[in-house]
Amino acid sequence: MESPCLPLQKMPPKSDSPSRLIAENRKARFDYFIEQRYEAGLVLQGWEVKAMRAGRAQLKEAYVYLRDGEAFLFGAHFSPLTSTSSHVIADPVRTRKLLLHHSELNGLIGAVERKGYTLVPLELYWKNGRAKLQFGLAKGKKQHDKRAVEKDRDWQRDKARLLRRG
């Protein structure tokens, strides 16, 4: 006699696809040349995790700064949910500590202080159930650099359009 249950099916493995993205700083790629990318964990409070799961995080005006051998995310806006607990006072733009290895911090400190780089947050996403921030070691673009990038992007778009028409 056969059992009425269906055979077990394997679930597809979870991947770090774009659906895992929480927030993205598109303006950073326009304003800066990104030289190198880093990934860091964040020290968060419970209401911030809930807000991130609801997609209520912004990196638009945020930046990363280094102080006393530690890295901090400054200016990121996490909108608190209306259902957060009443005994916690939610500060949407509080400074959040970044979790990095000591060797990474030393390299970043040297690049920022001596070589004139800046640290720009690029993406906020989930990885293995934990919130991660990708930030870049960047140099600022001048106005003529921005125009050249925009002109090149327009040309690539026009070229693709012409090739499609054939």
Protein backbone atom coordinates (compact mmCIF):
# COMPACT_ATOMS: atom_id res chain seq x y z
CA MET A 1 0.00 0.00 0.00
CA GLU A 2 1.39 3.40 -1.03
CA SER A 3 1.56 6.27 1.40
CA PRO A 4 -0.62 9.30 0.62
CA CYS A 5 2.27 11.69 1.28
CA LEU A 6 4.21 13.22 -1.55
CA PRO A 7 7.93 12.63 -1.74
CA LEU A 8 10.14 15.29 -0.18
CA GLN A 9 11.39 17.86 -2.62
CA LYS A 10 14.65 19.65 -2.26
CA MET A 11 14.31 23.36 -1.73
CA PRO A 12 16.51 25.54 -3.92
CA PRO A 13 19.43 26.98 -1.98
CA LYS A 14 19.09 30.57 -0.82
CA SER A 15 21.32 32.82 -2.82
CA ASP A 16 22.40 36.41 -2.39
CA SER A 17 20.18 37.59 -5.21
CA PRO A 18 18.95 41.16 -5.70
CA SER A 19 15.83 40.29 -3.70
CA ARG A 20 18.06 40.22 -0.58
CA LEU A 21 18.82 43.92 -1.11
CA ILE A 22 17.44 46.29 1.55
CA ALA A 23 18.74 49.68 0.37
CA GLU A 24 21.10 50.96 -2.27
CA ASN A 25 22.99 54.23 -2.62
CA ARG A 26 22.88 54.86 -6.37
CA LYS A 27 24.11 58.44 -6.04
CA ALA A 28 27.43 57.17 -4.67
CA ARG A 29 28.36 55.56 -8.00
CA PHE A 30 27.61 58.85 -9.75
CA ASP A 31 29.58 61.04 -7.34
CA TYR A 32 32.61 58.80 -6.63
CA PHE A 33 35.12 56.49 -8.29
CA ILE A 34 34.84 53.28 -6.22
CA GLU A 35 38.35 51.85 -5.86
CA GLN A 36 37.72 48.92 -3.51
CA ARG A 37 34.68 47.38 -1.80
CA TYR A 38 34.34 46.09 1.75
CA GLU A 39 31.62 44.21 3.61
CA ALA A 40 30.85 44.93 7.25
CA GLY A 41 28.32 43.79 9.81
CA LEU A 42 26.21 46.31 11.73
CA VAL A 43 25.44 46.66 15.43
CA LEU A 44 21.66 47.11 15.43
CA GLN A 45 18.78 47.33 17.85
CA GLY A 46 15.69 45.14 17.50
CA TRP A 47 13.43 47.84 16.06
CA GLU A 48 16.05 48.60 13.39
CA VAL A 49 16.07 44.99 12.22
CA LYS A 50 12.28 45.03 11.98
CA ALA A 51 12.40 48.29 10.02
CA MET A 52 14.98 46.81 7.65
CA ARG A 53 12.84 43.72 7.08
CA ALA A 54 9.99 46.06 6.16
CA GLY A 55 12.32 47.85 3.72
CA ARG A 56 12.37 51.14 5.61
CA ALA A 57 16.08 51.98 5.38
CA GLN A 58 17.85 54.68 3.35
CA LEU A 59 21.52 55.25 2.61
CA LYS A 60 21.09 58.40 0.53
CA GLU A 61 22.91 60.85 2.82
CA ALA A 62 24.94 58.33 4.81
CA TYR A 63 28.69 58.02 5.07
CA VAL A 64 31.23 55.93 6.96
CA TYR A 65 33.79 57.55 9.23
CA LEU A 66 36.64 56.21 11.34
CA ARG A 67 37.23 57.26 14.95
CA ASP A 68 39.46 55.71 17.63
CA GLY A 69 40.24 52.68 15.47
CA GLU A 70 36.55 51.87 14.85
CA ALA A 71 34.22 52.41 11.89
CA PHE A 72 30.77 53.97 12.17
CA LEU A 73 27.84 54.46 9.80
CA PHE A 74 26.58 58.01 10.12
CA GLY A 75 23.44 59.51 8.61
CA ALA A 76 21.66 56.32 7.52
CA HIS A 77 17.92 56.68 8.07
CA PHE A 78 15.92 53.73 9.45
CA SER A 79 12.24 54.69 9.76
CA PRO A 80 10.77 53.06 12.87
CA LEU A 81 7.59 51.05 12.51
CA THR A 82 4.49 52.25 14.32
CA SER A 83 4.28 48.91 16.11
CA THR A 84 7.67 49.15 17.86
CA SER A 85 7.67 48.87 21.63
CA SER A 86 6.88 51.96 23.67
CA HIS A 87 9.78 51.59 26.14
CA VAL A 88 12.41 52.05 23.41
CA ILE A 89 13.00 55.55 22.09
CA ALA A 90 13.73 55.10 18.40
CA ASP A 91 16.33 57.44 16.90
CA PRO A 92 16.08 56.99 13.11
CA VAL A 93 19.48 58.53 12.29
CA ARG A 94 21.62 57.30 15.15
CA THR A 95 25.25 56.41 14.53
CA ARG A 96 25.70 52.66 14.10
CA LYS A 97 28.95 50.79 14.68
CA LEU A 98 30.37 48.67 11.85
CA LEU A 99 31.99 45.31 12.52
CA LEU A 100 35.27 44.85 10.66
CA HIS A 101 38.46 42.88 11.14
CA HIS A 102 41.32 44.77 12.75
CA SER A 103 43.55 44.38 9.68
CA GLU A 104 40.82 45.84 7.43
CA LEU A 105 40.41 48.79 9.79
CA ASN A 106 44.14 49.50 9.76
CA GLY A 107 44.21 49.52 5.95
CA LEU A 108 41.19 51.82 5.80
CA ILE A 109 42.63 54.23 8.35
CA GLY A 110 45.81 54.51 6.29
CA ALA A 111 43.94 55.09 3.04
CA VAL A 112 41.58 57.68 4.47
CA GLU A 113 44.12 59.68 6.47
CA ARG A 114 47.12 59.59 4.14
CA LYS A 115 45.79 59.09 0.62
CA GLY A 116 42.67 61.25 0.78
CA TYR A 117 40.05 58.58 0.16
CA THR A 118 36.55 58.62 1.61
CA LEU A 119 34.30 55.74 2.70
CA VAL A 120 30.90 55.65 1.01
CA PRO A 121 28.10 53.17 1.83
CA LEU A 122 26.87 51.41 -1.32
CA GLU A 123 24.39 48.68 -0.36
CA LEU A 124 22.58 47.31 2.66
CA TYR A 125 21.53 43.66 2.30
CA TRP A 126 20.85 40.37 4.08
CA LYS A 127 23.47 37.61 4.07
CA ASN A 128 22.79 34.38 5.98
CA GLY A 129 20.12 36.14 8.03
CA ARG A 130 22.42 38.97 9.07
CA ALA A 131 22.39 42.58 7.87
CA LYS A 132 25.52 43.56 5.97
CA LEU A 133 26.72 46.88 4.64
CA GLN A 134 28.84 47.09 1.53
CA PHE A 135 30.88 50.26 1.42
CA GLY A 136 33.55 51.47 -0.91
CA LEU A 137 36.89 53.17 -0.65
CA ALA A 138 36.26 56.06 -3.03
CA LYS A 139 37.68 59.20 -4.59
CA GLY A 140 35.36 62.06 -5.48
CA LYS A 141 34.57 62.82 -9.12
CA LYS A 142 34.94 66.29 -10.56
CA GLN A 143 32.12 67.79 -12.64
CA HIS A 144 33.90 67.01 -15.94
CA ASP A 145 34.32 63.37 -14.87
CA LYS A 146 30.58 63.09 -14.24
CA ARG A 147 29.83 64.55 -17.68
CA ALA A 148 32.22 62.13 -19.36
CA VAL A 149 30.64 59.13 -17.61
CA GLU A 150 27.15 60.31 -18.56
CA LYS A 151 28.21 60.88 -22.18
CA ASP A 152 29.76 57.40 -22.37
CA ARG A 153 26.63 55.81 -20.87
CA ASP A 154 24.41 57.61 -23.43
CA TRP A 155 26.66 56.44 -26.26
CA GLN A 156 26.52 52.82 -25.06
CA ARG A 157 22.71 53.03 -24.91
CA ASP A 158 22.49 54.53 -28.42
CA LYS A 159 24.92 51.95 -29.79
CA ALA A 160 22.88 49.08 -28.33
CA ARG A 161 19.70 50.61 -29.80
CA LEU A 162 21.31 50.86 -33.26
CA LEU A 163 22.58 47.27 -33.12
CA ARG A 164 19.13 46.00 -32.15
CA ARG A 165 17.51 47.69 -35.13
CA GLY A 166 20.17 46.15 -37.33
